[in-house]
C-alpha atoms as a PDB file:
ATOM      1  CA  MET A   1      84.242  77.683 108.307  1.00  0.00           C
ATOM      2  CA  LYS A   2      83.410  81.253 109.265  1.00  0.00           C
ATOM      3  CA  ASP A   3      83.629  83.062 112.573  1.00  0.00           C
ATOM      4  CA  VAL A   4      82.660  86.506 113.710  1.00  0.00           C
ATOM      5  CA  ARG A   5      85.140  88.771 115.513  1.00  0.00           C
ATOM      6  CA  ALA A   6      84.583  92.434 116.323  1.00  0.00           C
ATOM      7  CA  GLY A   7      81.439  92.371 114.256  1.00  0.00           C
ATOM      8  CA  VAL A   8      83.236  91.398 111.048  1.00  0.00           C
ATOM      9  CA  VAL A   9      82.643  88.119 109.258  1.00  0.00           C
ATOM     10  CA  SER A  10      85.884  86.312 108.404  1.00  0.00           C
ATOM     11  CA  GLY A  11      86.518  83.327 106.227  1.00  0.00           C
ATOM     12  CA  PRO A  12      88.139  82.381 102.925  1.00  0.00           C
ATOM     13  CA  LEU A  13      88.940  85.569 100.992  1.00  0.00           C
ATOM     14  CA  THR A  14      87.399  84.848  97.619  1.00  0.00           C
ATOM     15  CA  ALA A  15      87.638  87.277  94.716  1.00  0.00           C
ATOM     16  CA  GLY A  16      84.099  88.446  95.372  1.00  0.00           C
ATOM     17  CA  ARG A  17      84.720  89.030  99.067  1.00  0.00           C
ATOM     18  CA  LEU A  18      87.986  90.810  98.314  1.00  0.00           C
ATOM     19  CA  SER A  19      86.160  93.163  95.961  1.00  0.00           C
ATOM     20  CA  THR A  20      83.504  93.805  98.610  1.00  0.00           C
ATOM     21  CA  ARG A  21      86.106  94.480 101.310  1.00  0.00           C
ATOM     22  CA  LEU A  22      87.984  96.880  99.058  1.00  0.00           C
ATOM     23  CA  GLY A  23      84.705  98.620  98.283  1.00  0.00           C
ATOM     24  CA  ASP A  24      84.041  99.005 102.016  1.00  0.00           C
ATOM     25  CA  TYR A  25      87.433 100.608 102.601  1.00  0.00           C
ATOM     26  CA  VAL A  26      86.923 102.967  99.684  1.00  0.00           C
ATOM     27  CA  ALA A  27      83.492 103.879 101.085  1.00  0.00           C
ATOM     28  CA  LEU A  28      85.113 104.789 104.403  1.00  0.00           C
ATOM     29  CA  THR A  29      87.065 107.558 102.656  1.00  0.00           C
ATOM     30  CA  LYS A  30      83.788 109.200 101.503  1.00  0.00           C
ATOM     31  CA  PRO A  31      84.843 109.294  97.830  1.00  0.00           C
ATOM     32  CA  ARG A  32      82.060 111.679  96.758  1.00  0.00           C
ATOM     33  CA  ILE A  33      83.359 114.303  99.170  1.00  0.00           C
ATOM     34  CA  ASN A  34      86.940 113.489  98.214  1.00  0.00           C
ATOM     35  CA  VAL A  35      86.134 114.304  94.588  1.00  0.00           C
ATOM     36  CA  LEU A  36      85.506 117.873  95.769  1.00  0.00           C
ATOM     37  CA  VAL A  37      88.811 117.830  97.671  1.00  0.00           C
ATOM     38  CA  VAL A  38      90.707 116.638  94.592  1.00  0.00           C
ATOM     39  CA  ALA A  39      89.026 119.184  92.331  1.00  0.00           C
ATOM     40  CA  THR A  40      89.493 122.189  94.623  1.00  0.00           C
ATOM     41  CA  SER A  41      93.077 121.347  95.572  1.00  0.00           C
ATOM     42  CA  ALA A  42      93.973 120.860  91.897  1.00  0.00           C
ATOM     43  CA  ALA A  43      92.285 124.149  91.027  1.00  0.00           C
ATOM     44  CA  GLY A  44      94.130 125.890  93.855  1.00  0.00           C
ATOM     45  CA  TYR A  45      97.447 124.518  92.610  1.00  0.00           C
ATOM     46  CA  TYR A  46      96.763 125.550  89.015  1.00  0.00           C
ATOM     47  CA  LEU A  47      95.635 129.047  89.980  1.00  0.00           C
ATOM     48  CA  GLY A  48      98.569 129.495  92.340  1.00  0.00           C
ATOM     49  CA  ALA A  49     101.231 128.292  89.912  1.00  0.00           C
ATOM     50  CA  GLN A  50     103.338 131.121  88.487  1.00  0.00           C
ATOM     51  CA  GLY A  51     105.086 129.117  85.782  1.00  0.00           C
ATOM     52  CA  GLY A  52     104.265 126.062  83.721  1.00  0.00           C
ATOM     53  CA  ILE A  53     102.373 123.200  85.346  1.00  0.00           C
ATOM     54  CA  GLN A  54     104.334 119.966  85.756  1.00  0.00           C
ATOM     55  CA  ALA A  55     102.383 116.742  86.103  1.00  0.00           C
ATOM     56  CA  LEU A  56     104.299 115.130  88.978  1.00  0.00           C
ATOM     57  CA  PRO A  57     104.253 118.081  91.422  1.00  0.00           C
ATOM     58  CA  ILE A  58     100.549 118.794  90.972  1.00  0.00           C
ATOM     59  CA  ALA A  59      99.701 115.076  91.153  1.00  0.00           C
ATOM     60  CA  SER A  60     101.717 114.739  94.377  1.00  0.00           C
ATOM     61  CA  ALA A  61     100.065 117.789  95.951  1.00  0.00           C
ATOM     62  CA  VAL A  62      96.562 116.672  95.023  1.00  0.00           C
ATOM     63  CA  ALA A  63      97.166 113.057  96.034  1.00  0.00           C
ATOM     64  CA  GLY A  64      98.616 114.117  99.388  1.00  0.00           C
ATOM     65  CA  THR A  65      95.646 116.361 100.115  1.00  0.00           C
ATOM     66  CA  ALA A  66      93.198 113.637  99.071  1.00  0.00           C
ATOM     67  CA  LEU A  67      94.920 111.054 101.284  1.00  0.00           C
ATOM     68  CA  VAL A  68      94.701 113.333 104.321  1.00  0.00           C
ATOM     69  CA  ALA A  69      91.043 114.096 103.569  1.00  0.00           C
ATOM     70  CA  GLY A  70      90.311 110.395 103.128  1.00  0.00           C
ATOM     71  CA  GLY A  71      92.039 109.558 106.400  1.00  0.00           C
ATOM     72  CA  ALA A  72      90.059 112.266 108.194  1.00  0.00           C
ATOM     73  CA  ALA A  73      86.820 110.847 106.787  1.00  0.00           C
ATOM     74  CA  VAL A  74      87.692 107.353 108.037  1.00  0.00           C
ATOM     75  CA  LEU A  75      88.621 108.536 111.522  1.00  0.00           C
ATOM     76  CA  ASN A  76      85.495 110.692 111.673  1.00  0.00           C
ATOM     77  CA  GLN A  77      83.375 107.609 110.993  1.00  0.00           C
ATOM     78  CA  VAL A  78      85.220 105.694 113.708  1.00  0.00           C
ATOM     79  CA  TYR A  79      84.216 108.415 116.169  1.00  0.00           C
ATOM     80  CA  GLU A  80      80.632 108.675 114.904  1.00  0.00           C
ATOM     81  CA  ARG A  81      79.902 104.972 114.343  1.00  0.00           C
ATOM     82  CA  ASP A  82      77.266 104.906 117.100  1.00  0.00           C
ATOM     83  CA  THR A  83      75.308 107.899 115.798  1.00  0.00           C
ATOM     84  CA  ASP A  84      75.739 106.703 112.199  1.00  0.00           C
ATOM     85  CA  ALA A  85      73.961 103.507 113.249  1.00  0.00           C
ATOM     86  CA  LEU A  86      70.908 105.550 114.265  1.00  0.00           C
ATOM     87  CA  MET A  87      70.417 107.453 110.997  1.00  0.00           C
ATOM     88  CA  ARG A  88      68.783 105.987 107.912  1.00  0.00           C
ATOM     89  CA  ARG A  89      71.213 107.556 105.461  1.00  0.00           C
ATOM     90  CA  THR A  90      74.328 106.342 107.334  1.00  0.00           C
ATOM     91  CA  ARG A  91      73.368 103.119 109.123  1.00  0.00           C
ATOM     92  CA  MET A  92      74.613 100.932 106.247  1.00  0.00           C
ATOM     93  CA  ARG A  93      78.097 102.432 106.273  1.00  0.00           C
ATOM     94  CA  PRO A  94      80.842  99.807 106.799  1.00  0.00           C
ATOM     95  CA  LEU A  95      81.432 100.531 110.499  1.00  0.00           C
ATOM     96  CA  PRO A  96      77.859 100.644 111.884  1.00  0.00           C
ATOM     97  CA  ASP A  97      76.950  97.679 109.677  1.00  0.00           C
ATOM     98  CA  GLY A  98      79.889  95.697 111.081  1.00  0.00           C
ATOM     99  CA  ARG A  99      81.618  95.070 107.748  1.00  0.00           C
ATOM    100  CA  VAL A 100      84.881  96.681 108.939  1.00  0.00           C
ATOM    101  CA  SER A 101      86.195  96.528 112.500  1.00  0.00           C
ATOM    102  CA  VAL A 102      86.941  99.649 114.516  1.00  0.00           C
ATOM    103  CA  ALA A 103      90.600  98.654 114.879  1.00  0.00           C
ATOM    104  CA  ASP A 104      91.072  98.079 111.153  1.00  0.00           C
ATOM    105  CA  ALA A 105      89.344 101.352 110.275  1.00  0.00           C
ATOM    106  CA  THR A 106      91.460 103.279 112.777  1.00  0.00           C
ATOM    107  CA  ILE A 107      94.698 101.849 111.384  1.00  0.00           C
ATOM    108  CA  PHE A 108      93.505 102.558 107.847  1.00  0.00           C
ATOM    109  CA  GLY A 109      92.589 106.164 108.657  1.00  0.00           C
ATOM    110  CA  LEU A 110      95.868 106.859 110.442  1.00  0.00           C
ATOM    111  CA  ALA A 111      97.864 105.273 107.604  1.00  0.00           C
ATOM    112  CA  LEU A 112      96.120 107.353 104.947  1.00  0.00           C
ATOM    113  CA  SER A 113      96.617 110.552 106.933  1.00  0.00           C
ATOM    114  CA  ALA A 114     100.297 109.858 107.602  1.00  0.00           C
ATOM    115  CA  ALA A 115     100.936 108.962 103.957  1.00  0.00           C
ATOM    116  CA  GLY A 116      99.263 112.146 102.755  1.00  0.00           C
ATOM    117  CA  LEU A 117     101.193 114.378 105.149  1.00  0.00           C
ATOM    118  CA  ALA A 118     104.473 112.701 104.242  1.00  0.00           C
ATOM    119  CA  LEU A 119     103.766 113.088 100.516  1.00  0.00           C
ATOM    120  CA  LEU A 120     102.963 116.787 100.895  1.00  0.00           C
ATOM    121  CA  ALA A 121     106.055 117.412 103.008  1.00  0.00           C
ATOM    122  CA  ALA A 122     108.350 115.514 100.642  1.00  0.00           C
ATOM    123  CA  ARG A 123     106.944 116.479  97.227  1.00  0.00           C
ATOM    124  CA  ALA A 124     105.283 119.874  97.829  1.00  0.00           C
ATOM    125  CA  ASN A 125     106.490 121.893 100.826  1.00  0.00           C
ATOM    126  CA  LEU A 126     106.342 121.898 104.607  1.00  0.00           C
ATOM    127  CA  LEU A 127     103.762 124.706 104.770  1.00  0.00           C
ATOM    128  CA  ALA A 128     101.311 122.747 102.611  1.00  0.00           C
ATOM    129  CA  ALA A 129     101.814 119.735 104.872  1.00  0.00           C
ATOM    130  CA  LEU A 130     101.229 121.889 107.964  1.00  0.00           C
ATOM    131  CA  LEU A 131      97.984 123.247 106.501  1.00  0.00           C
ATOM    132  CA  ALA A 132      96.853 119.687 105.787  1.00  0.00           C
ATOM    133  CA  PHE A 133      97.774 118.695 109.339  1.00  0.00           C
ATOM    134  CA  ALA A 134      95.758 121.644 110.667  1.00  0.00           C
ATOM    135  CA  THR A 135      92.820 120.473 108.553  1.00  0.00           C
ATOM    136  CA  LEU A 136      93.065 116.977 110.015  1.00  0.00           C
ATOM    137  CA  VAL A 137      93.390 118.099 113.638  1.00  0.00           C
ATOM    138  CA  THR A 138      90.635 120.718 113.444  1.00  0.00           C
ATOM    139  CA  TYR A 139      88.246 118.339 111.717  1.00  0.00           C
ATOM    140  CA  LEU A 140      88.771 115.498 114.172  1.00  0.00           C
ATOM    141  CA  THR A 141      89.375 117.205 117.514  1.00  0.00           C
ATOM    142  CA  VAL A 142      87.228 120.339 117.198  1.00  0.00           C
ATOM    143  CA  TYR A 143      84.496 119.924 114.579  1.00  0.00           C
ATOM    144  CA  THR A 144      83.619 116.249 115.106  1.00  0.00           C
ATOM    145  CA  PRO A 145      83.100 116.465 118.915  1.00  0.00           C
ATOM    146  CA  MET A 146      81.287 119.813 118.553  1.00  0.00           C
ATOM    147  CA  LYS A 147      78.642 118.242 116.304  1.00  0.00           C
ATOM    148  CA  ARG A 148      77.108 116.549 119.348  1.00  0.00           C
ATOM    149  CA  ARG A 149      77.051 119.763 121.388  1.00  0.00           C
ATOM    150  CA  THR A 150      76.133 122.801 119.297  1.00  0.00           C
ATOM    151  CA  SER A 151      74.806 123.914 115.936  1.00  0.00           C
ATOM    152  CA  LEU A 152      77.871 126.186 115.671  1.00  0.00           C
ATOM    153  CA  ALA A 153      79.805 123.069 114.632  1.00  0.00           C
ATOM    154  CA  THR A 154      78.598 123.674 111.071  1.00  0.00           C
ATOM    155  CA  LEU A 155      80.424 126.998 110.963  1.00  0.00           C
ATOM    156  CA  VAL A 156      83.545 125.517 112.557  1.00  0.00           C
ATOM    157  CA  GLY A 157      83.536 122.565 110.139  1.00  0.00           C
ATOM    158  CA  ALA A 158      83.471 124.924 107.163  1.00  0.00           C
ATOM    159  CA  GLY A 159      87.030 125.933 108.066  1.00  0.00           C
ATOM    160  CA  PRO A 160      88.813 122.621 107.444  1.00  0.00           C
ATOM    161  CA  GLY A 161      86.381 121.949 104.601  1.00  0.00           C
ATOM    162  CA  ALA A 162      87.632 125.061 102.796  1.00  0.00           C
ATOM    163  CA  LEU A 163      91.366 124.425 103.221  1.00  0.00           C
ATOM    164  CA  PRO A 164      92.043 122.082 100.218  1.00  0.00           C
ATOM    165  CA  PRO A 165      92.230 124.912  97.609  1.00  0.00           C
ATOM    166  CA  LEU A 166      94.546 126.852  99.928  1.00  0.00           C
ATOM    167  CA  ILE A 167      96.701 123.748 100.361  1.00  0.00           C
ATOM    168  CA  GLY A 168      96.916 123.430  96.579  1.00  0.00           C
ATOM    169  CA  TRP A 169      97.770 127.116  96.217  1.00  0.00           C
ATOM    170  CA  THR A 170     100.448 126.864  98.908  1.00  0.00           C
ATOM    171  CA  ALA A 171     101.928 123.735  97.333  1.00  0.00           C
ATOM    172  CA  ALA A 172     102.338 125.666  94.075  1.00  0.00           C
ATOM    173  CA  ARG A 173     103.526 129.009  95.488  1.00  0.00           C
ATOM    174  CA  GLY A 174     105.413 127.934  98.572  1.00  0.00           C
ATOM    175  CA  GLY A 175     103.420 130.402 100.645  1.00  0.00           C
ATOM    176  CA  VAL A 176      99.979 131.854 101.267  1.00  0.00           C
ATOM    177  CA  SER A 177      98.706 135.109  99.766  1.00  0.00           C
ATOM    178  CA  LEU A 178      95.500 137.031  99.142  1.00  0.00           C
ATOM    179  CA  GLY A 179      94.613 134.948  96.078  1.00  0.00           C
ATOM    180  CA  GLY A 180      94.833 131.735  98.081  1.00  0.00           C
ATOM    181  CA  PHE A 181      92.742 133.174 100.882  1.00  0.00           C
ATOM    182  CA  ALA A 182      90.116 134.227  98.334  1.00  0.00           C
ATOM    183  CA  LEU A 183      89.819 130.620  97.135  1.00  0.00           C
ATOM    184  CA  PHE A 184      89.519 129.479 100.751  1.00  0.00           C
ATOM    185  CA  ALA A 185      86.813 132.070 101.445  1.00  0.00           C
ATOM    186  CA  ILE A 186      84.734 131.050  98.418  1.00  0.00           C
ATOM    187  CA  VAL A 187      84.525 127.449  99.594  1.00  0.00           C
ATOM    188  CA  PHE A 188      84.008 128.533 103.223  1.00  0.00           C
ATOM    189  CA  PHE A 189      80.983 130.735 102.533  1.00  0.00           C
ATOM    190  CA  TRP A 190      79.576 128.287  99.956  1.00  0.00           C
ATOM    191  CA  GLN A 191      79.473 125.493 102.503  1.00  0.00           C
ATOM    192  CA  ILE A 192      76.955 127.105 104.865  1.00  0.00           C
ATOM    193  CA  PRO A 193      73.954 127.309 102.467  1.00  0.00           C
ATOM    194  CA  HIS A 194      74.947 123.856 101.192  1.00  0.00           C
ATOM    195  CA  PHE A 195      74.956 122.421 104.729  1.00  0.00           C
ATOM    196  CA  MET A 196      71.759 124.234 105.686  1.00  0.00           C
ATOM    197  CA  ALA A 197      69.961 122.512 102.801  1.00  0.00           C
ATOM    198  CA  ILE A 198      71.311 119.107 103.874  1.00  0.00           C
ATOM    199  CA  ALA A 199      70.489 119.740 107.534  1.00  0.00           C
ATOM    200  CA  TRP A 200      66.904 120.614 106.631  1.00  0.00           C
ATOM    201  CA  MET A 201      66.386 117.619 104.326  1.00  0.00           C
ATOM    202  CA  TYR A 202      67.768 115.186 106.933  1.00  0.00           C
ATOM    203  CA  ARG A 203      66.556 116.971 110.076  1.00  0.00           C
ATOM    204  CA  ASP A 204      64.657 113.901 111.301  1.00  0.00           C
ATOM    205  CA  ASP A 205      67.790 111.767 111.059  1.00  0.00           C
ATOM    206  CA  TYR A 206      69.820 114.362 112.941  1.00  0.00           C
ATOM    207  CA  ARG A 207      67.121 114.605 115.612  1.00  0.00           C
ATOM    208  CA  ILE A 208      67.116 110.829 116.160  1.00  0.00           C
ATOM    209  CA  ALA A 209      70.912 110.775 116.387  1.00  0.00           C
ATOM    210  CA  GLY A 210      70.948 113.655 118.873  1.00  0.00           C
ATOM    211  CA  PHE A 211      72.809 116.163 116.703  1.00  0.00           C
ATOM    212  CA  PRO A 212      71.708 119.729 117.608  1.00  0.00           C
ATOM    213  CA  MET A 213      71.631 120.943 114.029  1.00  0.00           C
ATOM    214  CA  LEU A 214      69.886 124.270 113.495  1.00  0.00           C
ATOM    215  CA  PRO A 215      66.686 122.727 112.000  1.00  0.00           C
ATOM    216  CA  VAL A 216      66.530 120.406 115.032  1.00  0.00           C
ATOM    217  CA  ILE A 217      66.796 123.067 117.736  1.00  0.00           C
ATOM    218  CA  GLU A 218      64.673 125.555 115.732  1.00  0.00           C
ATOM    219  CA  PRO A 219      62.048 123.376 113.998  1.00  0.00           C
ATOM    220  CA  ASP A 220      60.327 126.304 112.244  1.00  0.00           C
ATOM    221  CA  GLY A 221      63.411 126.692 110.055  1.00  0.00           C
ATOM    222  CA  ARG A 222      63.641 130.469 110.307  1.00  0.00           C
ATOM    223  CA  GLY A 223      67.204 130.404 111.600  1.00  0.00           C
ATOM    224  CA  THR A 224      68.201 127.840 108.988  1.00  0.00           C
ATOM    225  CA  GLY A 225      66.811 130.032 106.225  1.00  0.00           C
ATOM    226  CA  ARG A 226      68.490 133.160 107.583  1.00  0.00           C
ATOM    227  CA  GLN A 227      71.859 131.417 107.713  1.00  0.00           C
ATOM    228  CA  ALA A 228      71.474 130.205 104.132  1.00  0.00           C
ATOM    229  CA  VAL A 229      70.647 133.689 102.851  1.00  0.00           C
ATOM    230  CA  LEU A 230      73.304 135.439 104.959  1.00  0.00           C
ATOM    231  CA  TYR A 231      76.169 133.267 103.756  1.00  0.00           C
ATOM    232  CA  ALA A 232      74.970 133.104 100.147  1.00  0.00           C
ATOM    233  CA  ALA A 233      74.881 136.913 100.165  1.00  0.00           C
ATOM    234  CA  ALA A 234      78.357 137.093 101.737  1.00  0.00           C
ATOM    235  CA  LEU A 235      79.638 134.678  99.099  1.00  0.00           C
ATOM    236  CA  LEU A 236      78.775 137.047  96.249  1.00  0.00           C
ATOM    237  CA  PRO A 237      81.368 139.792  96.955  1.00  0.00           C
ATOM    238  CA  VAL A 238      83.920 137.215  98.099  1.00  0.00           C
ATOM    239  CA  SER A 239      83.553 135.359  94.786  1.00  0.00           C
ATOM    240  CA  LEU A 240      84.567 138.535  92.908  1.00  0.00           C
ATOM    241  CA  VAL A 241      87.900 138.873  94.721  1.00  0.00           C
ATOM    242  CA  PRO A 242      89.872 136.530  92.389  1.00  0.00           C
ATOM    243  CA  THR A 243      89.392 139.034  89.562  1.00  0.00           C
ATOM    244  CA  LEU A 244      90.289 141.981  91.790  1.00  0.00           C
ATOM    245  CA  VAL A 245      93.602 140.373  92.837  1.00  0.00           C
ATOM    246  CA  GLY A 246      94.502 139.155  89.345  1.00  0.00           C
ATOM    247  CA  VAL A 247      93.814 135.450  89.786  1.00  0.00           C
ATOM    248  CA  SER A 248      91.173 135.477  87.043  1.00  0.00           C
ATOM    249  CA  GLY A 249      89.686 137.857  84.486  1.00  0.00           C
ATOM    250  CA  LEU A 250      86.530 139.723  83.516  1.00  0.00           C
ATOM    251  CA  ALA A 251      84.747 136.708  82.043  1.00  0.00           C
ATOM    252  CA  TYR A 252      84.977 135.049  85.424  1.00  0.00           C
ATOM    253  CA  LEU A 253      83.787 138.227  87.142  1.00  0.00           C
ATOM    254  CA  GLY A 254      80.574 138.327  85.093  1.00  0.00           C
ATOM    255  CA  THR A 255      79.936 134.614  85.551  1.00  0.00           C
ATOM    256  CA  ALA A 256      80.535 134.783  89.310  1.00  0.00           C
ATOM    257  CA  LEU A 257      78.083 137.676  89.558  1.00  0.00           C
ATOM    258  CA  VAL A 258      75.340 135.793  87.691  1.00  0.00           C
ATOM    259  CA  LEU A 259      75.917 132.527  89.555  1.00  0.00           C
ATOM    260  CA  GLY A 260      76.062 134.329  92.895  1.00  0.00           C
ATOM    261  CA  LEU A 261      72.766 136.100  92.305  1.00  0.00           C
ATOM    262  CA  GLY A 262      71.163 132.804  91.302  1.00  0.00           C
ATOM    263  CA  PHE A 263      72.493 131.128  94.442  1.00  0.00           C
ATOM    264  CA  ILE A 264      71.110 133.941  96.603  1.00  0.00           C
ATOM    265  CA  GLY A 265      67.751 133.554  94.867  1.00  0.00           C
ATOM    266  CA  LEU A 266      67.615 129.852  95.758  1.00  0.00           C
ATOM    267  CA  ALA A 267      68.560 130.623  99.359  1.00  0.00           C
ATOM    268  CA  VAL A 268      65.856 133.319  99.626  1.00  0.00           C
ATOM    269  CA  ARG A 269      63.279 130.935  98.143  1.00  0.00           C
ATOM    270  CA  PHE A 270      64.195 128.314 100.746  1.00  0.00           C
ATOM    271  CA  ALA A 271      64.121 130.856 103.578  1.00  0.00           C
ATOM    272  CA  ARG A 272      60.606 131.944 102.599  1.00  0.00           C
ATOM    273  CA  SER A 273      59.073 128.489 102.133  1.00  0.00           C
ATOM    274  CA  ARG A 274      61.250 126.241 104.312  1.00  0.00           C
ATOM    275  CA  ASN A 275      60.191 122.935 102.808  1.00  0.00           C
ATOM    276  CA  ASP A 276      61.922 119.913 101.357  1.00  0.00           C
ATOM    277  CA  VAL A 277      61.368 121.018  97.760  1.00  0.00           C
ATOM    278  CA  THR A 278      63.074 124.392  98.153  1.00  0.00           C
ATOM    279  CA  ALA A 279      65.815 122.809 100.286  1.00  0.00           C
ATOM    280  CA  ARG A 280      66.458 120.293  97.526  1.00  0.00           C
ATOM    281  CA  TRP A 281      66.646 123.101  94.954  1.00  0.00           C
ATOM    282  CA  LEU A 282      69.154 124.919  97.158  1.00  0.00           C
ATOM    283  CA  PHE A 283      71.194 121.733  97.543  1.00  0.00           C
ATOM    284  CA  PHE A 284      71.328 121.040  93.812  1.00  0.00           C
ATOM    285  CA  GLY A 285      72.025 124.705  93.152  1.00  0.00           C
ATOM    286  CA  SER A 286      74.982 124.538  95.521  1.00  0.00           C
ATOM    287  CA  ILE A 287      76.523 121.476  93.881  1.00  0.00           C
ATOM    288  CA  THR A 288      76.080 123.149  90.500  1.00  0.00           C
ATOM    289  CA  TYR A 289      77.442 126.524  91.572  1.00  0.00           C
ATOM    290  CA  LEU A 290      80.828 125.396  92.894  1.00  0.00           C
ATOM    291  CA  PRO A 291      82.120 123.332  89.939  1.00  0.00           C
ATOM    292  CA  LEU A 292      80.903 125.971  87.481  1.00  0.00           C
ATOM    293  CA  ILE A 293      82.678 128.781  89.264  1.00  0.00           C
ATOM    294  CA  TRP A 294      85.934 126.784  89.399  1.00  0.00           C
ATOM    295  CA  ILE A 295      85.701 125.810  85.731  1.00  0.00           C
ATOM    296  CA  VAL A 296      85.138 129.396  84.613  1.00  0.00           C
ATOM    297  CA  MET A 297      87.880 130.707  86.902  1.00  0.00           C
ATOM    298  CA  ILE A 298      90.369 128.231  85.448  1.00  0.00           C
ATOM    299  CA  ALA A 299      89.206 128.759  81.846  1.00  0.00           C
ATOM    300  CA  ASP A 300      89.563 132.525  82.235  1.00  0.00           C
ATOM    301  CA  ARG A 301      93.127 131.993  83.406  1.00  0.00           C
ATOM    302  CA  ILE A 302      94.196 129.870  80.412  1.00  0.00           C
END
């Protein structure tokens, strides 16, 4: 016999249903975004380490950061479950589709966040844990509510989104420094053109859900294009700082210059045409740029 409570179907937990439920809980953590968190926090730890890298400390730091990020993603979806239900690209997520209850998701998100903070505090250092806590609080209490009120939320959200490499750096060094801030700044400035491309491609969804994203409040896209170009241009000099402060070498410097110019070119092309094709090129350029720049930065440090 089956019954329905809080929008979730219950009944005998067969192997197939268990697999589906586990998949739903994993989906709540936004694993594709968490891959970026894992990669950037690991890179930040490696680049910040002054001696040899030990497997357990770096694994603990990265896992703690990923747990906090996953918990934030779950709690964000709890808050946005009503607007997620309105958008085509999010309406089949576990909460709006009723596959996971609000209570269960809230407990899951809080548990992940608490576990991550505890792991960072115990196995890395208190400052890294405090930075992760700041990421969690800013994301949930500032950025998430702001999304329904102003397009400036995109800029605010880039802050917590850029903290994972700084958390990794701080876990390795025990403190923050110019090199760590440079890694933070790279991810911060990168996010704006990336988000502008997404906002343009899904502007109809955001309009239906009532999110005042820049392409929604300025349908001609001029402001969206300007923001993409402005932050892509600002990213170029910022991306050169790791070489200037001794985090990486000249091979990275040349690569960052070439990649940065290419990224600016994609942003300018989007700003001129403002269509889905150029937005998609900017989006794919952004998700190519960031891993390449991290890989070259790390390789130039080896």
